[in-house]
Amino acid sequence: MSEDHAELLDTTTHCAVVKLPTRKYPGVVIQGDSLHAWYTSVRSAKTLCEAGEIAEAVDELTQVIDLLSSYLGNYERVLKQHGIDLPYTGD
């Protein structure tokens, strides 16, 4: 890998896995609209919690968790395919 170019490891999801030359571990590129949607959902869940609407907040957060879980699973799969250790231990 060139010192001035990122290495694109995977593009199968809306969250590409990319290895930057200055970083030990790959990261993910999150599209701006996805980032905004996640922020909006978490902000909404906070508002729902503050209003005492816990079930609705849990539903909102569950959607975000499910999406993040799928992206995390893809990230872990890609690192394994490329022989790269995870930058964290399992949950």
C-alpha atoms as a PDB file:
ATOM      1  CA  MET A   1       0.000   0.000   0.000  1.00  0.00           C
ATOM      2  CA  SER A   2       1.300   3.434  -0.924  1.00  0.00           C
ATOM      3  CA  GLU A   3       1.984   5.859   1.911  1.00  0.00           C
ATOM      4  CA  ASP A   4      -0.473   8.364   0.448  1.00  0.00           C
ATOM      5  CA  HIS A   5      -3.359   6.128  -0.610  1.00  0.00           C
ATOM      6  CA  ALA A   6      -6.085   4.388   1.315  1.00  0.00           C
ATOM      7  CA  GLU A   7      -6.715   0.710   0.606  1.00  0.00           C
ATOM      8  CA  LEU A   8     -10.347  -0.125  -0.078  1.00  0.00           C
ATOM      9  CA  LEU A   9     -10.943  -3.548   1.484  1.00  0.00           C
ATOM     10  CA  ASP A  10     -14.689  -3.940   0.923  1.00  0.00           C
ATOM     11  CA  THR A  11     -17.629  -2.062  -0.579  1.00  0.00           C
ATOM     12  CA  THR A  12     -20.450  -4.600  -0.206  1.00  0.00           C
ATOM     13  CA  THR A  13     -22.446  -2.430   2.221  1.00  0.00           C
ATOM     14  CA  HIS A  14     -23.222   1.253   2.655  1.00  0.00           C
ATOM     15  CA  CYS A  15     -20.312   1.265   5.101  1.00  0.00           C
ATOM     16  CA  ALA A  16     -17.081   0.606   3.177  1.00  0.00           C
ATOM     17  CA  VAL A  17     -14.079  -0.853   5.010  1.00  0.00           C
ATOM     18  CA  VAL A  18     -10.962   1.209   4.345  1.00  0.00           C
ATOM     19  CA  LYS A  19      -7.352   0.904   5.538  1.00  0.00           C
ATOM     20  CA  LEU A  20      -5.615   4.259   5.877  1.00  0.00           C
ATOM     21  CA  PRO A  21      -1.834   4.190   5.501  1.00  0.00           C
ATOM     22  CA  THR A  22      -1.313   6.001   8.810  1.00  0.00           C
ATOM     23  CA  ARG A  23      -3.555   3.715  10.883  1.00  0.00           C
ATOM     24  CA  LYS A  24      -2.923   0.189  12.178  1.00  0.00           C
ATOM     25  CA  TYR A  25      -6.521  -0.950  11.802  1.00  0.00           C
ATOM     26  CA  PRO A  26      -9.040  -0.367   9.033  1.00  0.00           C
ATOM     27  CA  GLY A  27     -12.009   1.877   9.579  1.00  0.00           C
ATOM     28  CA  VAL A  28     -15.367   2.307   7.948  1.00  0.00           C
ATOM     29  CA  VAL A  29     -16.663   5.055   5.711  1.00  0.00           C
ATOM     30  CA  ILE A  30     -20.178   5.970   6.694  1.00  0.00           C
ATOM     31  CA  GLN A  31     -22.205   7.876   4.143  1.00  0.00           C
ATOM     32  CA  GLY A  32     -23.331  11.291   5.346  1.00  0.00           C
ATOM     33  CA  ASP A  33     -27.022  10.502   4.991  1.00  0.00           C
ATOM     34  CA  SER A  34     -26.576   7.337   7.071  1.00  0.00           C
ATOM     35  CA  LEU A  35     -24.676   9.242   9.755  1.00  0.00           C
ATOM     36  CA  HIS A  36     -27.399  11.861   9.879  1.00  0.00           C
ATOM     37  CA  ALA A  37     -30.132   9.197  10.089  1.00  0.00           C
ATOM     38  CA  TRP A  38     -28.360   7.492  13.016  1.00  0.00           C
ATOM     39  CA  TYR A  39     -27.904  10.814  14.795  1.00  0.00           C
ATOM     40  CA  THR A  40     -31.573  11.677  14.253  1.00  0.00           C
ATOM     41  CA  SER A  41     -32.696   8.288  15.571  1.00  0.00           C
ATOM     42  CA  VAL A  42     -30.560   8.483  18.705  1.00  0.00           C
ATOM     43  CA  ARG A  43     -31.637  12.085  19.336  1.00  0.00           C
ATOM     44  CA  SER A  44     -35.264  10.994  18.935  1.00  0.00           C
ATOM     45  CA  ALA A  45     -34.745   8.131  21.380  1.00  0.00           C
ATOM     46  CA  LYS A  46     -33.337  10.575  23.940  1.00  0.00           C
ATOM     47  CA  THR A  47     -36.345  12.840  23.516  1.00  0.00           C
ATOM     48  CA  LEU A  48     -38.685   9.861  23.896  1.00  0.00           C
ATOM     49  CA  CYS A  49     -36.885   8.793  27.084  1.00  0.00           C
ATOM     50  CA  GLU A  50     -37.168  12.288  28.520  1.00  0.00           C
ATOM     51  CA  ALA A  51     -40.900  12.210  27.754  1.00  0.00           C
ATOM     52  CA  GLY A  52     -41.248   8.849  29.514  1.00  0.00           C
ATOM     53  CA  GLU A  53     -42.018   7.013  26.281  1.00  0.00           C
ATOM     54  CA  ILE A  54     -39.536   4.242  26.977  1.00  0.00           C
ATOM     55  CA  ALA A  55     -41.030   1.559  24.707  1.00  0.00           C
ATOM     56  CA  GLU A  56     -40.892   3.889  21.725  1.00  0.00           C
ATOM     57  CA  ALA A  57     -37.320   4.878  22.597  1.00  0.00           C
ATOM     58  CA  VAL A  58     -36.314   1.221  22.802  1.00  0.00           C
ATOM     59  CA  ASP A  59     -37.844   0.614  19.367  1.00  0.00           C
ATOM     60  CA  GLU A  60     -35.886   3.535  17.916  1.00  0.00           C
ATOM     61  CA  LEU A  61     -32.632   2.393  19.495  1.00  0.00           C
ATOM     62  CA  THR A  62     -33.204  -1.216  18.438  1.00  0.00           C
ATOM     63  CA  GLN A  63     -33.322  -0.128  14.803  1.00  0.00           C
ATOM     64  CA  VAL A  64     -29.993   1.680  15.158  1.00  0.00           C
ATOM     65  CA  ILE A  65     -28.423  -1.254  17.021  1.00  0.00           C
ATOM     66  CA  ASP A  66     -29.601  -3.717  14.363  1.00  0.00           C
ATOM     67  CA  LEU A  67     -28.082  -1.629  11.583  1.00  0.00           C
ATOM     68  CA  LEU A  68     -24.820  -1.081  13.450  1.00  0.00           C
ATOM     69  CA  SER A  69     -24.686  -4.791  14.222  1.00  0.00           C
ATOM     70  CA  SER A  70     -24.886  -5.656  10.535  1.00  0.00           C
ATOM     71  CA  TYR A  71     -22.119  -3.160   9.718  1.00  0.00           C
ATOM     72  CA  LEU A  72     -19.972  -4.477  12.574  1.00  0.00           C
ATOM     73  CA  GLY A  73     -20.482  -8.037  11.367  1.00  0.00           C
ATOM     74  CA  ASN A  74     -19.367  -7.026   7.890  1.00  0.00           C
ATOM     75  CA  TYR A  75     -16.317  -5.213   9.328  1.00  0.00           C
ATOM     76  CA  GLU A  76     -15.307  -8.296  11.299  1.00  0.00           C
ATOM     77  CA  ARG A  77     -15.812 -10.556   8.261  1.00  0.00           C
ATOM     78  CA  VAL A  78     -13.671  -8.305   6.053  1.00  0.00           C
ATOM     79  CA  LEU A  79     -10.843  -8.117   8.589  1.00  0.00           C
ATOM     80  CA  LYS A  80     -10.873 -11.905   8.938  1.00  0.00           C
ATOM     81  CA  GLN A  81     -10.746 -12.305   5.126  1.00  0.00           C
ATOM     82  CA  HIS A  82      -7.690 -10.043   5.017  1.00  0.00           C
ATOM     83  CA  GLY A  83      -5.946 -11.686   7.987  1.00  0.00           C
ATOM     84  CA  ILE A  84      -6.212  -8.576  10.139  1.00  0.00           C
ATOM     85  CA  ASP A  85      -6.796  -8.900  13.887  1.00  0.00           C
ATOM     86  CA  LEU A  86      -9.749  -7.039  15.373  1.00  0.00           C
ATOM     87  CA  PRO A  87      -8.859  -3.802  17.163  1.00  0.00           C
ATOM     88  CA  TYR A  88     -10.972  -4.928  20.129  1.00  0.00           C
ATOM     89  CA  THR A  89     -11.942  -8.063  22.006  1.00  0.00           C
ATOM     90  CA  GLY A  90     -15.416  -9.633  21.744  1.00  0.00           C
ATOM     91  CA  ASP A  91     -18.402  -8.445  23.746  1.00  0.00           C
END
